Amino acid sequence: MRIITIIMSSLSGLLLLAVLICGLWIKTQKATMAVPDDAINFHINLGVVTVVITLLTIGMLYFKAMRS
């Protein structure tokens, strides 16, 4: 359980960083040129996956804390 928690926490952090970078990229590209719909869909999917992984990680950590 400890290894899974570490992996999920690391994955959540990396995904949150990726979403932040991608969001800033879209914001700067919108001002200078049109962003393709494929890029926007990819970033939306990345955001949804990030939220799901983060909620799973929080749930695992909560379950671990309640069990201890």
C-alpha atoms as a PDB file:
ATOM      1  CA  MET A   1       0.000   0.000   0.000  1.00  0.00           C
ATOM      2  CA  ARG A   2       2.890   2.355   0.763  1.00  0.00           C
ATOM      3  CA  ILE A   3       4.437   1.899  -2.702  1.00  0.00           C
ATOM      4  CA  ILE A   4       1.075   2.483  -4.402  1.00  0.00           C
ATOM      5  CA  THR A   5       0.529   5.644  -2.350  1.00  0.00           C
ATOM      6  CA  ILE A   6       3.957   6.988  -3.308  1.00  0.00           C
ATOM      7  CA  ILE A   7       3.389   6.211  -6.989  1.00  0.00           C
ATOM      8  CA  MET A   8      -0.094   7.779  -6.994  1.00  0.00           C
ATOM      9  CA  SER A   9       1.142  10.884  -5.151  1.00  0.00           C
ATOM     10  CA  SER A  10       4.033  11.328  -7.591  1.00  0.00           C
ATOM     11  CA  LEU A  11       1.722  10.804 -10.555  1.00  0.00           C
ATOM     12  CA  SER A  12      -0.738  13.365  -9.181  1.00  0.00           C
ATOM     13  CA  GLY A  13       2.026  15.930  -8.743  1.00  0.00           C
ATOM     14  CA  LEU A  14       3.379  15.382 -12.250  1.00  0.00           C
ATOM     15  CA  LEU A  15      -0.073  15.571 -13.811  1.00  0.00           C
ATOM     16  CA  LEU A  16      -0.893  18.776 -11.924  1.00  0.00           C
ATOM     17  CA  LEU A  17       2.355  20.315 -13.172  1.00  0.00           C
ATOM     18  CA  ALA A  18       1.565  19.211 -16.736  1.00  0.00           C
ATOM     19  CA  VAL A  19      -1.931  20.708 -16.572  1.00  0.00           C
ATOM     20  CA  LEU A  20      -0.498  23.992 -15.299  1.00  0.00           C
ATOM     21  CA  ILE A  21       2.086  24.140 -18.086  1.00  0.00           C
ATOM     22  CA  CYS A  22      -0.465  23.165 -20.742  1.00  0.00           C
ATOM     23  CA  GLY A  23      -2.970  25.724 -19.500  1.00  0.00           C
ATOM     24  CA  LEU A  24      -0.375  28.477 -19.667  1.00  0.00           C
ATOM     25  CA  TRP A  25       0.626  27.311 -23.159  1.00  0.00           C
ATOM     26  CA  ILE A  26      -2.986  27.509 -24.366  1.00  0.00           C
ATOM     27  CA  LYS A  27      -3.394  30.952 -22.802  1.00  0.00           C
ATOM     28  CA  THR A  28      -0.340  32.320 -24.634  1.00  0.00           C
ATOM     29  CA  GLN A  29      -1.249  30.626 -27.925  1.00  0.00           C
ATOM     30  CA  LYS A  30      -4.822  31.934 -27.860  1.00  0.00           C
ATOM     31  CA  ALA A  31      -3.481  35.491 -27.863  1.00  0.00           C
ATOM     32  CA  THR A  32      -1.138  34.988 -30.816  1.00  0.00           C
ATOM     33  CA  MET A  33      -2.818  32.353 -33.022  1.00  0.00           C
ATOM     34  CA  ALA A  34      -5.646  29.862 -33.155  1.00  0.00           C
ATOM     35  CA  VAL A  35      -5.141  26.715 -31.102  1.00  0.00           C
ATOM     36  CA  PRO A  36      -6.265  23.530 -32.896  1.00  0.00           C
ATOM     37  CA  ASP A  37      -9.263  21.687 -31.463  1.00  0.00           C
ATOM     38  CA  ASP A  38      -7.125  18.551 -31.053  1.00  0.00           C
ATOM     39  CA  ALA A  39      -4.812  20.401 -28.685  1.00  0.00           C
ATOM     40  CA  ILE A  40      -7.714  21.726 -26.625  1.00  0.00           C
ATOM     41  CA  ASN A  41      -9.311  18.260 -26.421  1.00  0.00           C
ATOM     42  CA  PHE A  42      -5.995  16.753 -25.322  1.00  0.00           C
ATOM     43  CA  HIS A  43      -5.620  19.326 -22.560  1.00  0.00           C
ATOM     44  CA  ILE A  44      -9.201  18.841 -21.402  1.00  0.00           C
ATOM     45  CA  ASN A  45      -8.626  15.074 -21.197  1.00  0.00           C
ATOM     46  CA  LEU A  46      -5.381  15.660 -19.317  1.00  0.00           C
ATOM     47  CA  GLY A  47      -7.227  17.855 -16.820  1.00  0.00           C
ATOM     48  CA  VAL A  48      -9.954  15.257 -16.266  1.00  0.00           C
ATOM     49  CA  VAL A  49      -7.394  12.473 -15.742  1.00  0.00           C
ATOM     50  CA  THR A  50      -5.519  14.699 -13.295  1.00  0.00           C
ATOM     51  CA  VAL A  51      -8.641  15.336 -11.221  1.00  0.00           C
ATOM     52  CA  VAL A  52      -9.521  11.620 -11.138  1.00  0.00           C
ATOM     53  CA  ILE A  53      -5.988  10.527 -10.151  1.00  0.00           C
ATOM     54  CA  THR A  54      -5.774  13.248  -7.497  1.00  0.00           C
ATOM     55  CA  LEU A  55      -9.132  12.266  -5.983  1.00  0.00           C
ATOM     56  CA  LEU A  56      -8.078   8.601  -5.924  1.00  0.00           C
ATOM     57  CA  THR A  57      -4.836   9.564  -4.201  1.00  0.00           C
ATOM     58  CA  ILE A  58      -6.659  11.654  -1.600  1.00  0.00           C
ATOM     59  CA  GLY A  59      -9.083   8.790  -1.012  1.00  0.00           C
ATOM     60  CA  MET A  60      -6.229   6.316  -0.556  1.00  0.00           C
ATOM     61  CA  LEU A  61      -4.461   8.606   1.882  1.00  0.00           C
ATOM     62  CA  TYR A  62      -7.704   9.161   3.817  1.00  0.00           C
ATOM     63  CA  PHE A  63      -8.333   5.405   3.975  1.00  0.00           C
ATOM     64  CA  LYS A  64      -4.752   4.854   5.161  1.00  0.00           C
ATOM     65  CA  ALA A  65      -5.117   7.534   7.869  1.00  0.00           C
ATOM     66  CA  MET A  66      -8.421   6.124   9.109  1.00  0.00           C
ATOM     67  CA  ARG A  67      -7.008   2.615   9.230  1.00  0.00           C
ATOM     68  CA  SER A  68      -4.012   3.603  11.340  1.00  0.00           C
END
